[in-house]
N, C-alpha and C. Protein backbone atom coordinates (compact mmCIF):
# COMPACT_ATOMS: atom_id res chain seq x y z
N MET A 1 102.15 41.80 55.70
CA MET A 1 101.13 42.73 55.29
C MET A 1 99.93 41.99 54.71
N ASP A 2 100.21 40.90 54.01
CA ASP A 2 99.12 40.12 53.44
C ASP A 2 98.25 39.49 54.53
N SER A 3 98.88 39.07 55.61
CA SER A 3 98.10 38.47 56.69
C SER A 3 97.19 39.50 57.34
N LEU A 4 97.63 40.76 57.40
CA LEU A 4 96.80 41.82 57.94
C LEU A 4 95.58 42.07 57.06
N VAL A 5 95.77 42.04 55.75
CA VAL A 5 94.65 42.21 54.81
C VAL A 5 93.68 41.05 54.95
N VAL A 6 94.20 39.84 55.06
CA VAL A 6 93.34 38.67 55.22
C VAL A 6 92.56 38.77 56.53
N LEU A 7 93.20 39.21 57.60
CA LEU A 7 92.53 39.38 58.89
C LEU A 7 91.43 40.42 58.79
N LEU A 8 91.69 41.55 58.14
CA LEU A 8 90.68 42.60 57.99
C LEU A 8 89.51 42.12 57.14
N GLN A 9 89.78 41.32 56.13
CA GLN A 9 88.70 40.77 55.32
C GLN A 9 87.85 39.79 56.13
N ALA A 10 88.50 39.01 56.96
CA ALA A 10 87.77 38.07 57.80
C ALA A 10 86.92 38.82 58.82
N LEU A 11 87.46 39.89 59.39
CA LEU A 11 86.69 40.70 60.32
C LEU A 11 85.50 41.36 59.64
N ASN A 12 85.67 41.78 58.41
CA ASN A 12 84.60 42.40 57.66
C ASN A 12 83.48 41.40 57.38
N ALA A 13 83.83 40.15 57.21
CA ALA A 13 82.84 39.12 56.91
C ALA A 13 82.11 38.63 58.16
N MET A 14 82.69 38.86 59.33
CA MET A 14 82.09 38.37 60.58
C MET A 14 80.92 39.25 61.01
N SER A 15 80.12 38.65 61.85
CA SER A 15 79.05 39.41 62.47
C SER A 15 79.65 40.24 63.62
N PRO A 16 78.92 41.21 64.15
CA PRO A 16 79.43 41.98 65.28
C PRO A 16 79.77 41.12 66.49
N VAL A 17 79.01 40.06 66.69
CA VAL A 17 79.31 39.16 67.81
C VAL A 17 80.65 38.47 67.60
N GLY A 18 80.96 38.10 66.36
CA GLY A 18 82.24 37.48 66.04
C GLY A 18 83.39 38.43 66.27
N VAL A 19 83.21 39.70 65.92
CA VAL A 19 84.25 40.70 66.15
C VAL A 19 84.49 40.90 67.64
N ILE A 20 83.40 40.94 68.42
CA ILE A 20 83.53 41.08 69.87
C ILE A 20 84.26 39.88 70.46
N ALA A 21 83.93 38.69 69.99
CA ALA A 21 84.60 37.48 70.48
C ALA A 21 86.08 37.51 70.14
N LEU A 22 86.42 37.97 68.94
CA LEU A 22 87.82 38.05 68.55
C LEU A 22 88.58 39.06 69.42
N LEU A 23 87.96 40.20 69.67
CA LEU A 23 88.60 41.20 70.54
C LEU A 23 88.77 40.67 71.96
N ALA A 24 87.78 39.94 72.46
CA ALA A 24 87.90 39.33 73.79
C ALA A 24 89.05 38.34 73.83
N LEU A 25 89.21 37.56 72.76
CA LEU A 25 90.32 36.60 72.69
C LEU A 25 91.66 37.32 72.67
N ILE A 26 91.76 38.40 71.94
CA ILE A 26 93.01 39.17 71.88
C ILE A 26 93.35 39.74 73.25
N ILE A 27 92.37 40.29 73.94
CA ILE A 27 92.61 40.85 75.28
C ILE A 27 93.01 39.75 76.25
N TYR A 28 92.36 38.59 76.16
CA TYR A 28 92.71 37.46 77.02
C TYR A 28 94.16 37.03 76.81
N LYS A 29 94.56 36.94 75.56
CA LYS A 29 95.94 36.53 75.25
C LYS A 29 96.95 37.56 75.77
N GLN A 30 96.63 38.85 75.68
CA GLN A 30 97.54 39.88 76.17
C GLN A 30 97.67 39.81 77.68
N VAL A 31 96.56 39.59 78.37
CA VAL A 31 96.61 39.47 79.84
C VAL A 31 97.37 38.23 80.24
N GLN A 32 97.17 37.16 79.53
CA GLN A 32 97.87 35.91 79.83
C GLN A 32 99.38 36.09 79.64
N ALA A 33 99.79 36.81 78.62
CA ALA A 33 101.21 37.03 78.38
C ALA A 33 101.81 37.96 79.43
N ALA A 34 101.02 38.85 79.98
CA ALA A 34 101.52 39.79 80.98
C ALA A 34 101.70 39.14 82.34
N ARG A 35 101.08 38.00 82.57
CA ARG A 35 101.14 37.33 83.87
C ARG A 35 102.29 36.35 83.99
N LYS A 36 103.23 36.37 83.11
CA LYS A 36 104.34 35.42 83.19
C LYS A 36 105.12 35.66 84.48
N VAL A 37 105.47 34.57 85.13
CA VAL A 37 106.20 34.63 86.39
C VAL A 37 107.68 34.71 86.10
N THR A 38 108.33 35.66 86.70
CA THR A 38 109.77 35.78 86.52
C THR A 38 110.49 34.89 87.52
N LYS A 39 111.65 34.46 87.15
CA LYS A 39 112.43 33.57 88.00
C LYS A 39 113.03 34.36 89.15
N ILE A 40 112.95 33.80 90.35
CA ILE A 40 113.55 34.44 91.51
C ILE A 40 115.05 34.13 91.48
N GLU A 41 115.85 35.16 91.33
CA GLU A 41 117.28 34.94 91.20
C GLU A 41 118.04 35.24 92.49
N THR A 42 117.43 35.99 93.38
CA THR A 42 118.11 36.32 94.63
C THR A 42 117.30 35.79 95.80
N ASN A 43 117.96 35.58 96.91
CA ASN A 43 117.30 35.08 98.10
C ASN A 43 116.80 36.27 98.89
N ASP A 44 115.50 36.49 98.85
CA ASP A 44 114.91 37.61 99.58
C ASP A 44 114.40 37.19 100.95
N LEU A 45 114.76 36.02 101.40
CA LEU A 45 114.26 35.51 102.66
C LEU A 45 115.18 35.81 103.84
N HIS A 46 116.26 36.53 103.63
CA HIS A 46 117.20 36.78 104.72
C HIS A 46 116.63 37.72 105.78
N THR A 47 115.55 38.43 105.48
CA THR A 47 114.97 39.35 106.46
C THR A 47 113.89 38.69 107.31
N LEU A 48 113.61 37.42 107.10
CA LEU A 48 112.56 36.76 107.85
C LEU A 48 112.79 36.74 109.36
N PRO A 49 113.99 36.48 109.88
CA PRO A 49 114.16 36.51 111.34
C PRO A 49 113.85 37.88 111.94
N ASP A 50 114.25 38.95 111.27
CA ASP A 50 113.93 40.29 111.77
C ASP A 50 112.43 40.54 111.73
N MET A 51 111.80 40.07 110.68
CA MET A 51 110.36 40.24 110.57
C MET A 51 109.64 39.46 111.67
N LEU A 52 110.16 38.28 112.01
CA LEU A 52 109.55 37.47 113.06
C LEU A 52 109.62 38.19 114.40
N GLU A 53 110.77 38.77 114.72
CA GLU A 53 110.91 39.51 115.98
C GLU A 53 109.94 40.68 116.03
N THR A 54 109.83 41.40 114.94
CA THR A 54 108.91 42.54 114.89
C THR A 54 107.47 42.09 115.06
N LEU A 55 107.10 41.03 114.39
CA LEU A 55 105.73 40.52 114.51
C LEU A 55 105.43 40.02 115.92
N GLN A 56 106.42 39.43 116.58
CA GLN A 56 106.21 38.97 117.95
C GLN A 56 106.02 40.15 118.89
N ARG A 57 106.79 41.23 118.68
CA ARG A 57 106.60 42.43 119.51
C ARG A 57 105.22 43.03 119.29
N ILE A 58 104.78 43.07 118.06
CA ILE A 58 103.45 43.61 117.75
C ILE A 58 102.38 42.74 118.41
N GLU A 59 102.57 41.43 118.37
CA GLU A 59 101.60 40.52 118.96
C GLU A 59 101.48 40.74 120.47
N VAL A 60 102.61 40.90 121.14
CA VAL A 60 102.60 41.14 122.58
C VAL A 60 101.92 42.48 122.89
N LEU A 61 102.25 43.50 122.13
CA LEU A 61 101.65 44.81 122.34
C LEU A 61 100.14 44.77 122.14
N LEU A 62 99.69 44.13 121.08
CA LEU A 62 98.25 44.04 120.82
C LEU A 62 97.54 43.21 121.89
N SER A 63 98.22 42.19 122.39
CA SER A 63 97.63 41.38 123.46
C SER A 63 97.43 42.21 124.72
N ARG A 64 98.41 43.03 125.07
CA ARG A 64 98.28 43.91 126.24
C ARG A 64 97.15 44.91 126.05
N GLU A 65 97.10 45.52 124.88
CA GLU A 65 96.06 46.51 124.61
C GLU A 65 94.68 45.87 124.63
N PHE A 66 94.56 44.67 124.09
CA PHE A 66 93.28 43.98 124.09
C PHE A 66 92.86 43.63 125.51
N SER A 67 93.80 43.20 126.32
CA SER A 67 93.49 42.88 127.72
C SER A 67 93.02 44.13 128.45
N TYR A 68 93.64 45.26 128.20
CA TYR A 68 93.25 46.52 128.84
C TYR A 68 91.82 46.90 128.42
N ILE A 69 91.53 46.75 127.14
CA ILE A 69 90.18 47.09 126.64
C ILE A 69 89.14 46.17 127.25
N ARG A 70 89.43 44.88 127.34
CA ARG A 70 88.48 43.95 127.95
C ARG A 70 88.26 44.28 129.41
N ALA A 71 89.32 44.64 130.12
CA ALA A 71 89.18 44.99 131.54
C ALA A 71 88.33 46.25 131.69
N ARG A 72 88.52 47.23 130.82
CA ARG A 72 87.73 48.45 130.89
C ARG A 72 86.26 48.16 130.59
N LEU A 73 86.00 47.29 129.65
CA LEU A 73 84.62 46.95 129.31
C LEU A 73 83.93 46.19 130.43
N ASN A 74 84.69 45.41 131.16
CA ASN A 74 84.12 44.64 132.29
C ASN A 74 84.04 45.48 133.54
N GLY A 75 84.51 46.71 133.52
CA GLY A 75 84.44 47.58 134.69
C GLY A 75 85.52 47.33 135.72
N LYS A 76 86.54 46.60 135.37
CA LYS A 76 87.61 46.27 136.32
C LYS A 76 88.84 47.13 136.12
N GLY A 77 88.86 47.90 135.06
CA GLY A 77 90.04 48.73 134.80
C GLY A 77 89.88 50.11 135.40
N GLU A 78 90.93 50.87 135.41
CA GLU A 78 90.89 52.21 135.99
C GLU A 78 90.72 53.24 134.90
């Protein structure tokens, strides 16, 4: 409780710019504490082969669609 009184007295003695700087420092420290990285405890990479197959199918489909669009733009498509 004494430290809170000392802090309030220090804030009272500061200029408004000092109070703004102190508040900015407090917000910065809170954001920094919220960004802590948690340890990865499980292996979430087991779905990568399935994702690769899906992405390859999407790539082939988009390639076909792009070829069709290019052919239509060149006047060679139906």
